[in-house]
Amino acid sequence: MPRSRGNMSVNHLFRADEIGVSKEANLDRLVRGFVQMSEGIATRWIQMPKGILVLLMVPDNPASGAIYIYDRVGREFYLISFDQGSDDTLTIPEFEDLLGEYHLLDCVSNSSLLESSIREPAQA
């Protein structure tokens, strides 16, 4: 059965230490640092033992959401992308639909599922 936004991919962004967060940082501080760097607001934040799923949005723009995963084991940040539609125009209801349709919590809780979907940035 085709999915509403086509295939999903996971795009590597950066390591936690690249945004100045120490290895011992608590998760609240880690996510706050990421949100501050992005100049957005975390409208949804799902914390699991192996990762965190965050929907970041531009303040006062209800159709500006982008989905991010933080891998707690590898201490890496990722952006969730879809073949169809923009990755940064999601609404909260769309996020909630995609959460189940694409089994996003499975990716966050199972690092092998996450790893199999990762796209590394293109080398210049």
PDB file of N, CA and C in Angstrom:
ATOM      1  N   MET A   1       0.848  -1.182   0.000  1.00  0.00           N
ATOM      2  CA  MET A   1       0.000   0.000   0.000  1.00  0.00           C
ATOM      3  C   MET A   1       0.895   1.248   0.000  1.00  0.00           C
ATOM      4  N   PRO A   2       0.685   2.157  -0.930  1.00  0.00           N
ATOM      5  CA  PRO A   2       1.519   3.366  -0.989  1.00  0.00           C
ATOM      6  C   PRO A   2       1.299   4.240   0.242  1.00  0.00           C
ATOM      7  N   ARG A   3       2.347   4.884   0.651  1.00  0.00           N
ATOM      8  CA  ARG A   3       2.278   5.788   1.797  1.00  0.00           C
ATOM      9  C   ARG A   3       1.989   7.202   1.312  1.00  0.00           C
ATOM     10  N   SER A   4       1.406   8.011   2.181  1.00  0.00           N
ATOM     11  CA  SER A   4       0.924   9.339   1.799  1.00  0.00           C
ATOM     12  C   SER A   4       2.025  10.273   1.314  1.00  0.00           C
ATOM     13  N   ARG A   5       3.256  10.090   1.769  1.00  0.00           N
ATOM     14  CA  ARG A   5       4.354  10.969   1.356  1.00  0.00           C
ATOM     15  C   ARG A   5       5.483  10.200   0.676  1.00  0.00           C
ATOM     16  N   GLY A   6       5.167   9.038   0.126  1.00  0.00           N
ATOM     17  CA  GLY A   6       6.179   8.261  -0.576  1.00  0.00           C
ATOM     18  C   GLY A   6       7.176   7.640   0.394  1.00  0.00           C
ATOM     19  N   ASN A   7       8.355   7.387  -0.088  1.00  0.00           N
ATOM     20  CA  ASN A   7       9.396   6.777   0.741  1.00  0.00           C
ATOM     21  C   ASN A   7       9.948   7.780   1.746  1.00  0.00           C
ATOM     22  N   MET A   8      10.347   7.237   2.891  1.00  0.00           N
ATOM     23  CA  MET A   8      10.953   8.047   3.939  1.00  0.00           C
ATOM     24  C   MET A   8      12.452   7.791   3.957  1.00  0.00           C
ATOM     25  N   SER A   9      13.220   8.833   4.249  1.00  0.00           N
ATOM     26  CA  SER A   9      14.653   8.665   4.460  1.00  0.00           C
ATOM     27  C   SER A   9      15.062   9.454   5.695  1.00  0.00           C
ATOM     28  N   VAL A  10      16.193   9.068   6.242  1.00  0.00           N
ATOM     29  CA  VAL A  10      16.730   9.691   7.444  1.00  0.00           C
ATOM     30  C   VAL A  10      18.054  10.328   7.047  1.00  0.00           C
ATOM     31  N   ASN A  11      18.142  11.641   7.167  1.00  0.00           N
ATOM     32  CA  ASN A  11      19.324  12.384   6.735  1.00  0.00           C
ATOM     33  C   ASN A  11      20.164  12.811   7.935  1.00  0.00           C
ATOM     34  N   HIS A  12      21.415  12.384   7.938  1.00  0.00           N
ATOM     35  CA  HIS A  12      22.324  12.749   9.020  1.00  0.00           C
ATOM     36  C   HIS A  12      22.589  14.255   8.997  1.00  0.00           C
ATOM     37  N   LEU A  13      22.505  14.872  10.167  1.00  0.00           N
ATOM     38  CA  LEU A  13      22.779  16.311  10.283  1.00  0.00           C
ATOM     39  C   LEU A  13      24.127  16.569  10.954  1.00  0.00           C
ATOM     40  N   PHE A  14      24.264  16.177  12.210  1.00  0.00           N
ATOM     41  CA  PHE A  14      25.497  16.442  12.954  1.00  0.00           C
ATOM     42  C   PHE A  14      25.490  15.675  14.268  1.00  0.00           C
ATOM     43  N   ARG A  15      26.646  15.660  14.937  1.00  0.00           N
ATOM     44  CA  ARG A  15      26.792  15.048  16.254  1.00  0.00           C
ATOM     45  C   ARG A  15      26.457  16.080  17.332  1.00  0.00           C
ATOM     46  N   ALA A  16      26.085  15.605  18.494  1.00  0.00           N
ATOM     47  CA  ALA A  16      25.738  16.496  19.605  1.00  0.00           C
ATOM     48  C   ALA A  16      26.898  17.399  19.972  1.00  0.00           C
ATOM     49  N   ASP A  17      28.125  16.872  19.944  1.00  0.00           N
ATOM     50  CA  ASP A  17      29.259  17.710  20.332  1.00  0.00           C
ATOM     51  C   ASP A  17      29.524  18.830  19.332  1.00  0.00           C
ATOM     52  N   GLU A  18      28.998  18.712  18.122  1.00  0.00           N
ATOM     53  CA  GLU A  18      29.170  19.773  17.125  1.00  0.00           C
ATOM     54  C   GLU A  18      28.333  21.011  17.437  1.00  0.00           C
ATOM     55  N   ILE A  19      27.341  20.854  18.319  1.00  0.00           N
ATOM     56  CA  ILE A  19      26.557  22.025  18.732  1.00  0.00           C
ATOM     57  C   ILE A  19      26.904  22.430  20.160  1.00  0.00           C
ATOM     58  N   GLY A  20      28.036  21.913  20.647  1.00  0.00           N
ATOM     59  CA  GLY A  20      28.538  22.333  21.946  1.00  0.00           C
ATOM     60  C   GLY A  20      27.879  21.680  23.136  1.00  0.00           C
ATOM     61  N   VAL A  21      27.290  20.486  22.958  1.00  0.00           N
ATOM     62  CA  VAL A  21      26.668  19.790  24.071  1.00  0.00           C
ATOM     63  C   VAL A  21      27.595  18.671  24.520  1.00  0.00           C
ATOM     64  N   SER A  22      27.979  18.709  25.793  1.00  0.00           N
ATOM     65  CA  SER A  22      28.912  17.708  26.313  1.00  0.00           C
ATOM     66  C   SER A  22      28.239  16.348  26.416  1.00  0.00           C
ATOM     67  N   LYS A  23      29.062  15.314  26.499  1.00  0.00           N
ATOM     68  CA  LYS A  23      28.565  13.945  26.578  1.00  0.00           C
ATOM     69  C   LYS A  23      27.678  13.733  27.800  1.00  0.00           C
ATOM     70  N   GLU A  24      27.943  14.457  28.866  1.00  0.00           N
ATOM     71  CA  GLU A  24      27.198  14.270  30.102  1.00  0.00           C
ATOM     72  C   GLU A  24      25.924  15.118  30.175  1.00  0.00           C
ATOM     73  N   ALA A  25      25.630  15.887  29.166  1.00  0.00           N
ATOM     74  CA  ALA A  25      24.473  16.793  29.207  1.00  0.00           C
ATOM     75  C   ALA A  25      23.175  16.021  29.394  1.00  0.00           C
ATOM     76  N   ASN A  26      22.255  16.612  30.165  1.00  0.00           N
ATOM     77  CA  ASN A  26      20.958  15.960  30.290  1.00  0.00           C
ATOM     78  C   ASN A  26      20.145  16.209  29.023  1.00  0.00           C
ATOM     79  N   LEU A  27      19.137  15.390  28.821  1.00  0.00           N
ATOM     80  CA  LEU A  27      18.388  15.441  27.560  1.00  0.00           C
ATOM     81  C   LEU A  27      17.612  16.740  27.380  1.00  0.00           C
ATOM     82  N   ASP A  28      17.103  17.301  28.464  1.00  0.00           N
ATOM     83  CA  ASP A  28      16.394  18.582  28.349  1.00  0.00           C
ATOM     84  C   ASP A  28      17.331  19.651  27.788  1.00  0.00           C
ATOM     85  N   ARG A  29      18.538  19.714  28.335  1.00  0.00           N
ATOM     86  CA  ARG A  29      19.508  20.711  27.863  1.00  0.00           C
ATOM     87  C   ARG A  29      19.919  20.447  26.420  1.00  0.00           C
ATOM     88  N   LEU A  30      20.075  19.189  26.080  1.00  0.00           N
ATOM     89  CA  LEU A  30      20.446  18.810  24.720  1.00  0.00           C
ATOM     90  C   LEU A  30      19.389  19.284  23.719  1.00  0.00           C
ATOM     91  N   VAL A  31      18.131  18.961  23.988  1.00  0.00           N
ATOM     92  CA  VAL A  31      17.063  19.344  23.064  1.00  0.00           C
ATOM     93  C   VAL A  31      16.889  20.859  23.053  1.00  0.00           C
ATOM     94  N   ARG A  32      16.987  21.502  24.197  1.00  0.00           N
ATOM     95  CA  ARG A  32      16.892  22.970  24.234  1.00  0.00           C
ATOM     96  C   ARG A  32      17.990  23.607  23.390  1.00  0.00           C
ATOM     97  N   GLY A  33      19.191  23.053  23.445  1.00  0.00           N
ATOM     98  CA  GLY A  33      20.284  23.578  22.626  1.00  0.00           C
ATOM     99  C   GLY A  33      20.003  23.410  21.147  1.00  0.00           C
ATOM    100  N   PHE A  34      19.463  22.266  20.781  1.00  0.00           N
ATOM    101  CA  PHE A  34      19.111  22.016  19.383  1.00  0.00           C
ATOM    102  C   PHE A  34      18.007  22.953  18.929  1.00  0.00           C
ATOM    103  N   VAL A  35      16.986  23.118  19.753  1.00  0.00           N
ATOM    104  CA  VAL A  35      15.867  24.008  19.417  1.00  0.00           C
ATOM    105  C   VAL A  35      16.353  25.442  19.295  1.00  0.00           C
ATOM    106  N   GLN A  36      17.200  25.879  20.219  1.00  0.00           N
ATOM    107  CA  GLN A  36      17.715  27.245  20.164  1.00  0.00           C
ATOM    108  C   GLN A  36      18.528  27.463  18.891  1.00  0.00           C
ATOM    109  N   MET A  37      19.352  26.488  18.530  1.00  0.00           N
ATOM    110  CA  MET A  37      20.155  26.591  17.318  1.00  0.00           C
ATOM    111  C   MET A  37      19.262  26.690  16.076  1.00  0.00           C
ATOM    112  N   SER A  38      18.144  25.974  16.091  1.00  0.00           N
ATOM    113  CA  SER A  38      17.252  25.957  14.932  1.00  0.00           C
ATOM    114  C   SER A  38      16.330  27.170  14.886  1.00  0.00           C
ATOM    115  N   GLU A  39      16.264  27.914  15.978  1.00  0.00           N
ATOM    116  CA  GLU A  39      15.394  29.081  16.095  1.00  0.00           C
ATOM    117  C   GLU A  39      13.926  28.724  15.938  1.00  0.00           C
ATOM    118  N   GLY A  40      13.576  27.505  16.332  1.00  0.00           N
ATOM    119  CA  GLY A  40      12.192  27.055  16.288  1.00  0.00           C
ATOM    120  C   GLY A  40      11.683  26.761  17.683  1.00  0.00           C
ATOM    121  N   ILE A  41      10.540  26.083  17.729  1.00  0.00           N
ATOM    122  CA  ILE A  41       9.986  25.616  18.994  1.00  0.00           C
ATOM    123  C   ILE A  41       9.666  24.133  18.850  1.00  0.00           C
ATOM    124  N   ALA A  42       9.885  23.393  19.917  1.00  0.00           N
ATOM    125  CA  ALA A  42       9.562  21.960  19.924  1.00  0.00           C
ATOM    126  C   ALA A  42       8.095  21.815  20.298  1.00  0.00           C
ATOM    127  N   THR A  43       7.263  21.502  19.306  1.00  0.00           N
ATOM    128  CA  THR A  43       5.832  21.366  19.580  1.00  0.00           C
ATOM    129  C   THR A  43       5.463  19.945  19.979  1.00  0.00           C
ATOM    130  N   ARG A  44       6.286  18.985  19.613  1.00  0.00           N
ATOM    131  CA  ARG A  44       6.129  17.592  20.046  1.00  0.00           C
ATOM    132  C   ARG A  44       7.522  17.064  20.356  1.00  0.00           C
ATOM    133  N   TRP A  45       7.607  16.292  21.450  1.00  0.00           N
ATOM    134  CA  TRP A  45       8.886  15.774  21.910  1.00  0.00           C
ATOM    135  C   TRP A  45       8.595  14.429  22.542  1.00  0.00           C
ATOM    136  N   ILE A  46       9.036  13.355  21.909  1.00  0.00           N
ATOM    137  CA  ILE A  46       8.806  12.002  22.411  1.00  0.00           C
ATOM    138  C   ILE A  46      10.155  11.402  22.763  1.00  0.00           C
ATOM    139  N   GLN A  47      10.339  11.150  24.050  1.00  0.00           N
ATOM    140  CA  GLN A  47      11.614  10.649  24.556  1.00  0.00           C
ATOM    141  C   GLN A  47      11.502   9.151  24.806  1.00  0.00           C
ATOM    142  N   MET A  48      12.465   8.409  24.282  1.00  0.00           N
ATOM    143  CA  MET A  48      12.513   6.962  24.450  1.00  0.00           C
ATOM    144  C   MET A  48      13.913   6.581  24.928  1.00  0.00           C
ATOM    145  N   PRO A  49      14.111   5.337  25.390  1.00  0.00           N
ATOM    146  CA  PRO A  49      15.427   4.955  25.901  1.00  0.00           C
ATOM    147  C   PRO A  49      16.580   5.137  24.909  1.00  0.00           C
ATOM    148  N   LYS A  50      16.351   4.903  23.613  1.00  0.00           N
ATOM    149  CA  LYS A  50      17.445   4.988  22.645  1.00  0.00           C
ATOM    150  C   LYS A  50      17.404   6.234  21.772  1.00  0.00           C
ATOM    151  N   GLY A  51      16.381   7.039  21.913  1.00  0.00           N
ATOM    152  CA  GLY A  51      16.316   8.216  21.062  1.00  0.00           C
ATOM    153  C   GLY A  51      15.199   9.161  21.436  1.00  0.00           C
ATOM    154  N   ILE A  52      15.182  10.277  20.734  1.00  0.00           N
ATOM    155  CA  ILE A  52      14.161  11.304  20.923  1.00  0.00           C
ATOM    156  C   ILE A  52      13.635  11.699  19.548  1.00  0.00           C
ATOM    157  N   LEU A  53      12.327  11.822  19.441  1.00  0.00           N
ATOM    158  CA  LEU A  53      11.673  12.288  18.220  1.00  0.00           C
ATOM    159  C   LEU A  53      11.110  13.671  18.525  1.00  0.00           C
ATOM    160  N   VAL A  54      11.444  14.648  17.683  1.00  0.00           N
ATOM    161  CA  VAL A  54      11.043  16.032  17.934  1.00  0.00           C
ATOM    162  C   VAL A  54      10.407  16.614  16.675  1.00  0.00           C
ATOM    163  N   LEU A  55       9.288  17.306  16.854  1.00  0.00           N
ATOM    164  CA  LEU A  55       8.698  18.106  15.785  1.00  0.00           C
ATOM    165  C   LEU A  55       9.025  19.554  16.100  1.00  0.00           C
ATOM    166  N   LEU A  56       9.846  20.172  15.254  1.00  0.00           N
ATOM    167  CA  LEU A  56      10.206  21.582  15.420  1.00  0.00           C
ATOM    168  C   LEU A  56       9.402  22.426  14.450  1.00  0.00           C
ATOM    169  N   MET A  57       8.952  23.587  14.948  1.00  0.00           N
ATOM    170  CA  MET A  57       8.168  24.495  14.111  1.00  0.00           C
ATOM    171  C   MET A  57       8.661  25.923  14.296  1.00  0.00           C
ATOM    172  N   VAL A  58       8.426  26.725  13.272  1.00  0.00           N
ATOM    173  CA  VAL A  58       8.690  28.155  13.347  1.00  0.00           C
ATOM    174  C   VAL A  58       7.588  28.764  14.222  1.00  0.00           C
ATOM    175  N   PRO A  59       7.945  29.629  15.165  1.00  0.00           N
ATOM    176  CA  PRO A  59       6.907  30.253  15.994  1.00  0.00           C
ATOM    177  C   PRO A  59       5.855  30.962  15.132  1.00  0.00           C
ATOM    178  N   ASP A  60       4.612  30.803  15.526  1.00  0.00           N
ATOM    179  CA  ASP A  60       3.469  31.458  14.872  1.00  0.00           C
ATOM    180  C   ASP A  60       3.226  31.003  13.435  1.00  0.00           C
ATOM    181  N   ASN A  61       3.753  29.838  13.057  1.00  0.00           N
ATOM    182  CA  ASN A  61       3.483  29.282  11.731  1.00  0.00           C
ATOM    183  C   ASN A  61       3.088  27.819  11.903  1.00  0.00           C
ATOM    184  N   PRO A  62       1.777  27.524  11.905  1.00  0.00           N
ATOM    185  CA  PRO A  62       1.317  26.160  12.187  1.00  0.00           C
ATOM    186  C   PRO A  62       1.614  25.141  11.078  1.00  0.00           C
ATOM    187  N   ALA A  63       2.124  25.580   9.939  1.00  0.00           N
ATOM    188  CA  ALA A  63       2.471  24.668   8.845  1.00  0.00           C
ATOM    189  C   ALA A  63       3.961  24.773   8.534  1.00  0.00           C
ATOM    190  N   SER A  64       4.788  24.630   9.574  1.00  0.00           N
ATOM    191  CA  SER A  64       6.233  24.787   9.393  1.00  0.00           C
ATOM    192  C   SER A  64       7.036  23.682  10.075  1.00  0.00           C
ATOM    193  N   GLY A  65       6.380  22.574  10.391  1.00  0.00           N
ATOM    194  CA  GLY A  65       7.047  21.536  11.160  1.00  0.00           C
ATOM    195  C   GLY A  65       7.997  20.678  10.355  1.00  0.00           C
ATOM    196  N   ALA A  66       9.082  20.281  11.013  1.00  0.00           N
ATOM    197  CA  ALA A  66      10.047  19.325  10.482  1.00  0.00           C
ATOM    198  C   ALA A  66      10.319  18.303  11.588  1.00  0.00           C
ATOM    199  N   ILE A  67      10.536  17.055  11.188  1.00  0.00           N
ATOM    200  CA  ILE A  67      10.719  15.970  12.151  1.00  0.00           C
ATOM    201  C   ILE A  67      12.207  15.639  12.266  1.00  0.00           C
ATOM    202  N   TYR A  68      12.658  15.565  13.510  1.00  0.00           N
ATOM    203  CA  TYR A  68      14.054  15.245  13.797  1.00  0.00           C
ATOM    204  C   TYR A  68      14.135  14.077  14.767  1.00  0.00           C
ATOM    205  N   ILE A  69      15.197  13.308  14.634  1.00  0.00           N
ATOM    206  CA  ILE A  69      15.490  12.224  15.567  1.00  0.00           C
ATOM    207  C   ILE A  69      16.855  12.493  16.168  1.00  0.00           C
ATOM    208  N   TYR A  70      16.942  12.287  17.472  1.00  0.00           N
ATOM    209  CA  TYR A  70      18.237  12.284  18.136  1.00  0.00           C
ATOM    210  C   TYR A  70      18.508  10.861  18.587  1.00  0.00           C
ATOM    211  N   ASP A  71      19.593  10.280  18.104  1.00  0.00           N
ATOM    212  CA  ASP A  71      20.023   8.936  18.485  1.00  0.00           C
ATOM    213  C   ASP A  71      20.870   9.077  19.746  1.00  0.00           C
ATOM    214  N   ARG A  72      20.345   8.607  20.855  1.00  0.00           N
ATOM    215  CA  ARG A  72      21.032   8.759  22.137  1.00  0.00           C
ATOM    216  C   ARG A  72      22.291   7.899  22.215  1.00  0.00           C
ATOM    217  N   VAL A  73      22.317   6.784  21.520  1.00  0.00           N
ATOM    218  CA  VAL A  73      23.475   5.896  21.555  1.00  0.00           C
ATOM    219  C   VAL A  73      24.633   6.503  20.765  1.00  0.00           C
ATOM    220  N   GLY A  74      24.376   6.894  19.524  1.00  0.00           N
ATOM    221  CA  GLY A  74      25.412   7.464  18.680  1.00  0.00           C
ATOM    222  C   GLY A  74      25.613   8.954  18.864  1.00  0.00           C
ATOM    223  N   ARG A  75      24.696   9.596  19.628  1.00  0.00           N
ATOM    224  CA  ARG A  75      24.726  11.040  19.886  1.00  0.00           C
ATOM    225  C   ARG A  75      24.708  11.837  18.585  1.00  0.00           C
ATOM    226  N   GLU A  76      23.801  11.435  17.674  1.00  0.00           N
ATOM    227  CA  GLU A  76      23.682  12.039  16.345  1.00  0.00           C
ATOM    228  C   GLU A  76      22.272  12.591  16.149  1.00  0.00           C
ATOM    229  N   PHE A  77      22.176  13.685  15.395  1.00  0.00           N
ATOM    230  CA  PHE A  77      20.895  14.272  15.003  1.00  0.00           C
ATOM    231  C   PHE A  77      20.598  13.942  13.549  1.00  0.00           C
ATOM    232  N   TYR A  78      19.310  13.695  13.255  1.00  0.00           N
ATOM    233  CA  TYR A  78      18.871  13.346  11.908  1.00  0.00           C
ATOM    234  C   TYR A  78      17.595  14.102  11.566  1.00  0.00           C
ATOM    235  N   LEU A  79      17.400  14.361  10.281  1.00  0.00           N
ATOM    236  CA  LEU A  79      16.175  14.953   9.753  1.00  0.00           C
ATOM    237  C   LEU A  79      15.427  13.867   9.000  1.00  0.00           C
ATOM    238  N   ILE A  80      14.131  13.762   9.252  1.00  0.00           N
ATOM    239  CA  ILE A  80      13.287  12.820   8.512  1.00  0.00           C
ATOM    240  C   ILE A  80      12.814  13.518   7.245  1.00  0.00           C
ATOM    241  N   SER A  81      12.998  12.856   6.098  1.00  0.00           N
ATOM    242  CA  SER A  81      12.576  13.403   4.806  1.00  0.00           C
ATOM    243  C   SER A  81      11.649  12.425   4.110  1.00  0.00           C
ATOM    244  N   PHE A  82      10.833  12.964   3.224  1.00  0.00           N
ATOM    245  CA  PHE A  82       9.899  12.158   2.447  1.00  0.00           C
ATOM    246  C   PHE A  82      10.052  12.499   0.969  1.00  0.00           C
ATOM    247  N   ASP A  83       9.830  11.505   0.109  1.00  0.00           N
ATOM    248  CA  ASP A  83       9.934  11.723  -1.334  1.00  0.00           C
ATOM    249  C   ASP A  83       8.898  12.716  -1.850  1.00  0.00           C
ATOM    250  N   GLN A  84       7.719  12.715  -1.238  1.00  0.00           N
ATOM    251  CA  GLN A  84       6.629  13.565  -1.712  1.00  0.00           C
ATOM    252  C   GLN A  84       6.276  14.591  -0.654  1.00  0.00           C
ATOM    253  N   GLY A  85       6.305  15.832  -1.025  1.00  0.00           N
ATOM    254  CA  GLY A  85       5.967  16.900  -0.094  1.00  0.00           C
ATOM    255  C   GLY A  85       7.208  17.461   0.567  1.00  0.00           C
ATOM    256  N   SER A  86       7.070  18.649   1.073  1.00  0.00           N
ATOM    257  CA  SER A  86       8.178  19.328   1.736  1.00  0.00           C
ATOM    258  C   SER A  86       8.415  18.728   3.114  1.00  0.00           C
ATOM    259  N   ASP A  87       9.659  18.759   3.556  1.00  0.00           N
ATOM    260  CA  ASP A  87      10.010  18.209   4.861  1.00  0.00           C
ATOM    261  C   ASP A  87       9.806  19.202   5.997  1.00  0.00           C
ATOM    262  N   ASP A  88       9.520  20.457   5.669  1.00  0.00           N
ATOM    263  CA  ASP A  88       9.434  21.468   6.720  1.00  0.00           C
ATOM    264  C   ASP A  88       8.142  22.287   6.667  1.00  0.00           C
ATOM    265  N   THR A  89       7.064  21.647   6.240  1.00  0.00           N
ATOM    266  CA  THR A  89       5.770  22.333   6.204  1.00  0.00           C
ATOM    267  C   THR A  89       4.684  21.518   6.911  1.00  0.00           C
ATOM    268  N   LEU A  90       5.087  20.650   7.822  1.00  0.00           N
ATOM    269  CA  LEU A  90       4.131  19.787   8.499  1.00  0.00           C
ATOM    270  C   LEU A  90       3.335  20.540   9.555  1.00  0.00           C
ATOM    271  N   THR A  91       2.085  20.147   9.701  1.00  0.00           N
ATOM    272  CA  THR A  91       1.252  20.623  10.801  1.00  0.00           C
ATOM    273  C   THR A  91       1.291  19.557  11.897  1.00  0.00           C
ATOM    274  N   ILE A  92       0.815  19.889  13.074  1.00  0.00           N
ATOM    275  CA  ILE A  92       0.784  18.908  14.158  1.00  0.00           C
ATOM    276  C   ILE A  92      -0.088  17.705  13.791  1.00  0.00           C
ATOM    277  N   PRO A  93      -1.303  17.887  13.222  1.00  0.00           N
ATOM    278  CA  PRO A  93      -2.082  16.707  12.825  1.00  0.00           C
ATOM    279  C   PRO A  93      -1.373  15.844  11.770  1.00  0.00           C
ATOM    280  N   GLU A  94      -0.663  16.464  10.826  1.00  0.00           N
ATOM    281  CA  GLU A  94       0.087  15.688   9.830  1.00  0.00           C
ATOM    282  C   GLU A  94       1.195  14.885  10.507  1.00  0.00           C
ATOM    283  N   PHE A  95       1.894  15.498  11.449  1.00  0.00           N
ATOM    284  CA  PHE A  95       2.928  14.792  12.206  1.00  0.00           C
ATOM    285  C   PHE A  95       2.330  13.576  12.901  1.00  0.00           C
ATOM    286  N   GLU A  96       1.206  13.768  13.549  1.00  0.00           N
ATOM    287  CA  GLU A  96       0.571  12.664  14.277  1.00  0.00           C
ATOM    288  C   GLU A  96       0.155  11.538  13.338  1.00  0.00           C
ATOM    289  N   ASP A  97      -0.300  11.883  12.135  1.00  0.00           N
ATOM    290  CA  ASP A  97      -0.629  10.857  11.138  1.00  0.00           C
ATOM    291  C   ASP A  97       0.625  10.120  10.677  1.00  0.00           C
ATOM    292  N   LEU A  98       1.690  10.865  10.393  1.00  0.00           N
ATOM    293  CA  LEU A  98       2.937  10.262   9.914  1.00  0.00           C
ATOM    294  C   LEU A  98       3.595   9.401  10.985  1.00  0.00           C
ATOM    295  N   LEU A  99       3.413   9.752  12.220  1.00  0.00           N
ATOM    296  CA  LEU A  99       3.969   9.003  13.337  1.00  0.00           C
ATOM    297  C   LEU A  99       3.571   7.531  13.258  1.00  0.00           C
ATOM    298  N   GLY A 100       2.293   7.279  13.017  1.00  0.00           N
ATOM    299  CA  GLY A 100       1.817   5.898  12.901  1.00  0.00           C
ATOM    300  C   GLY A 100       2.044   5.300  11.532  1.00  0.00           C
ATOM    301  N   GLU A 101       1.774   6.072  10.498  1.00  0.00           N
ATOM    302  CA  GLU A 101       1.889   5.564   9.128  1.00  0.00           C
ATOM    303  C   GLU A 101       3.303   5.094   8.803  1.00  0.00           C
ATOM    304  N   TYR A 102       4.304   5.823   9.253  1.00  0.00           N
ATOM    305  CA  TYR A 102       5.698   5.498   8.954  1.00  0.00           C
ATOM    306  C   TYR A 102       6.419   4.814  10.125  1.00  0.00           C
ATOM    307  N   HIS A 103       5.686   4.488  11.174  1.00  0.00           N
ATOM    308  CA  HIS A 103       6.251   3.784  12.331  1.00  0.00           C
ATOM    309  C   HIS A 103       7.498   4.501  12.861  1.00  0.00           C
ATOM    310  N   LEU A 104       7.377   5.803  13.039  1.00  0.00           N
ATOM    311  CA  LEU A 104       8.527   6.613  13.440  1.00  0.00           C
ATOM    312  C   LEU A 104       9.069   6.227  14.811  1.00  0.00           C
ATOM    313  N   LEU A 105       8.196   5.823  15.719  1.00  0.00           N
ATOM    314  CA  LEU A 105       8.679   5.424  17.036  1.00  0.00           C
ATOM    315  C   LEU A 105       9.517   4.149  16.964  1.00  0.00           C
ATOM    316  N   ASP A 106       9.228   3.282  15.992  1.00  0.00           N
ATOM    317  CA  ASP A 106      10.055   2.090  15.804  1.00  0.00           C
ATOM    318  C   ASP A 106      11.473   2.488  15.416  1.00  0.00           C
ATOM    319  N   CYS A 107      11.608   3.495  14.565  1.00  0.00           N
ATOM    320  CA  CYS A 107      12.941   3.978  14.162  1.00  0.00           C
ATOM    321  C   CYS A 107      13.700   4.541  15.353  1.00  0.00           C
ATOM    322  N   VAL A 108      12.990   5.222  16.224  1.00  0.00           N
ATOM    323  CA  VAL A 108      13.635   5.831  17.384  1.00  0.00           C
ATOM    324  C   VAL A 108      14.051   4.763  18.399  1.00  0.00           C
ATOM    325  N   SER A 109      13.248   3.729  18.539  1.00  0.00           N
ATOM    326  CA  SER A 109      13.540   2.721  19.558  1.00  0.00           C
ATOM    327  C   SER A 109      14.423   1.581  19.061  1.00  0.00           C
ATOM    328  N   ASN A 110      14.598   1.449  17.746  1.00  0.00           N
ATOM    329  CA  ASN A 110      15.391   0.355  17.190  1.00  0.00           C
ATOM    330  C   ASN A 110      16.465   0.935  16.280  1.00  0.00           C
ATOM    331  N   SER A 111      17.681   0.986  16.785  1.00  0.00           N
ATOM    332  CA  SER A 111      18.758   1.637  16.039  1.00  0.00           C
ATOM    333  C   SER A 111      19.052   0.955  14.705  1.00  0.00           C
ATOM    334  N   SER A 112      18.767  -0.344  14.569  1.00  0.00           N
ATOM    335  CA  SER A 112      19.023  -0.999  13.279  1.00  0.00           C
ATOM    336  C   SER A 112      18.052  -0.502  12.212  1.00  0.00           C
ATOM    337  N   LEU A 113      16.816  -0.202  12.576  1.00  0.00           N
ATOM    338  CA  LEU A 113      15.867   0.391  11.620  1.00  0.00           C
ATOM    339  C   LEU A 113      16.311   1.794  11.237  1.00  0.00           C
ATOM    340  N   LEU A 114      16.764   2.539  12.206  1.00  0.00           N
ATOM    341  CA  LEU A 114      17.254   3.892  11.943  1.00  0.00           C
ATOM    342  C   LEU A 114      18.465   3.840  11.017  1.00  0.00           C
ATOM    343  N   GLU A 115      19.430   3.000  11.330  1.00  0.00           N
ATOM    344  CA  GLU A 115      20.656   2.909  10.551  1.00  0.00           C
ATOM    345  C   GLU A 115      20.405   2.497   9.104  1.00  0.00           C
ATOM    346  N   SER A 116      19.410   1.644   8.893  1.00  0.00           N
ATOM    347  CA  SER A 116      19.135   1.172   7.529  1.00  0.00           C
ATOM    348  C   SER A 116      18.526   2.256   6.647  1.00  0.00           C
ATOM    349  N   SER A 117      18.039   3.340   7.241  1.00  0.00           N
ATOM    350  CA  SER A 117      17.400   4.419   6.483  1.00  0.00           C
ATOM    351  C   SER A 117      18.256   5.665   6.348  1.00  0.00           C
ATOM    352  N   ILE A 118      19.433   5.670   6.946  1.00  0.00           N
ATOM    353  CA  ILE A 118      20.257   6.891   6.991  1.00  0.00           C
ATOM    354  C   ILE A 118      20.894   7.202   5.661  1.00  0.00           C
ATOM    355  N   ARG A 119      20.802   8.456   5.280  1.00  0.00           N
ATOM    356  CA  ARG A 119      21.521   9.002   4.123  1.00  0.00           C
ATOM    357  C   ARG A 119      22.553   9.965   4.661  1.00  0.00           C
ATOM    358  N   GLU A 120      23.795   9.736   4.324  1.00  0.00           N
ATOM    359  CA  GLU A 120      24.859  10.643   4.756  1.00  0.00           C
ATOM    360  C   GLU A 120      24.854  11.864   3.830  1.00  0.00           C
ATOM    361  N   PRO A 121      25.292  13.008   4.319  1.00  0.00           N
ATOM    362  CA  PRO A 121      25.350  14.193   3.465  1.00  0.00           C
ATOM    363  C   PRO A 121      26.344  13.980   2.315  1.00  0.00           C
ATOM    364  N   ALA A 122      26.043  14.584   1.182  1.00  0.00           N
ATOM    365  CA  ALA A 122      26.926  14.475   0.016  1.00  0.00           C
ATOM    366  C   ALA A 122      28.250  15.158   0.312  1.00  0.00           C
ATOM    367  N   GLN A 123      29.327  14.547  -0.123  1.00  0.00           N
ATOM    368  CA  GLN A 123      30.653  15.127   0.083  1.00  0.00           C
ATOM    369  C   GLN A 123      30.948  16.118  -1.042  1.00  0.00           C
ATOM    370  N   ALA A 124      31.497  17.261  -0.673  1.00  0.00           N
ATOM    371  CA  ALA A 124      31.807  18.291  -1.673  1.00  0.00           C
ATOM    372  C   ALA A 124      33.101  17.984  -2.393  1.00  0.00           C
TER     373      ALA A 124
END
